[in-house]
Amino acid sequence: MSLGMLVIVPLGLTLLPRRLTLLRTAGPRWWFFFAVPGVVSLWLPRGPASIALASIYLAGTVLLAALAVRDFLRHKRLRPREIALYTALATPSIAALALVAERSSYELFGFELTVLSLTVAHFHFAGFAAALIAYLVAADATTATTAAAISVPVGTGIVLLGFFLGDLVELAGAAVLTAGMWMVGWSLWGRSRTADRATAVLLVVSAAVLVFTMLLALTWALGHVVSTPYLPLEWMVATHGVANAAGFALCGLLAWRRLGKGIG
């Protein structure tokens, strides 16, 4: 979770389109004003202090979402790339809301505190990072990358609905999200063939990780619908979660930072 707050989001802000100048330039600096208290809240016992610090982080994520709404109202564009972009800017607020509830020992919408804690991590990596990278690869405007820019946000949204509507809906969301993520991975792999060596390594790692992690996500969702084997929660966190965070999200964003193109 700390990686998502302190590294993934500010790094991602530097890759936003040029029209979001405030977020691209000042954003990575002012973000730490909100993120550091949020991270500190994770290390404190649940109670008033950790709730207050988590609430500061929530305020930062709400500001991020508000700036996304402002950009939409100004330009009134909702092409596939913009769907992915606005999803990226909105999802940290879902993570932050779950964080405040978890620090409050409040089972928001009836979800256990463990589920809320995992939601915080999920919507930084499978939310913000995945949607942002889907936005970036869609600069090519190919059929696959355009489909990815739609299916990653839609899949993320269906998975979220599955938390409320049941395992079958969550499985459908996992399938849509997996398809989108694999298309993102294919695009990352394609870009690696023309990149410098260090950037190519980052792109290949980011793409390759998705093959493994999204298969785990599918087996997890499928195993809750039909009687098929899947990893226990602790192992999903240690494999799917860690690999997506460090392998896909961090390597992918670092690669795009090195590429320094396709942002517009």
Foldseek 3Di string as FASTA:
>chain_A
DLCLQLPQVLLLQCQAFVVVVCSNPVVSVCSCVLSVLQVVLVVDQQDDSSLVSLVSNLVSLVVLLVVLVVVCVVVVDDQLLNLLVSQLSNLLNQLSVLSSCLSNCHCVVNNHSVVSPVSNLCCSQLTNLQSSLLSLLCLVVDPLSSLLSNLSSVLVVQLVVCVVVHLVSNLVSLVSNLSSLLSSLVSLQVVLVVDPDLLSVLSNQQSVLSVVLSVLSNQVSVCRVDPDDHDDPVVNCVRNVVSSSVRRRVSSSVSCVVVVDSHD
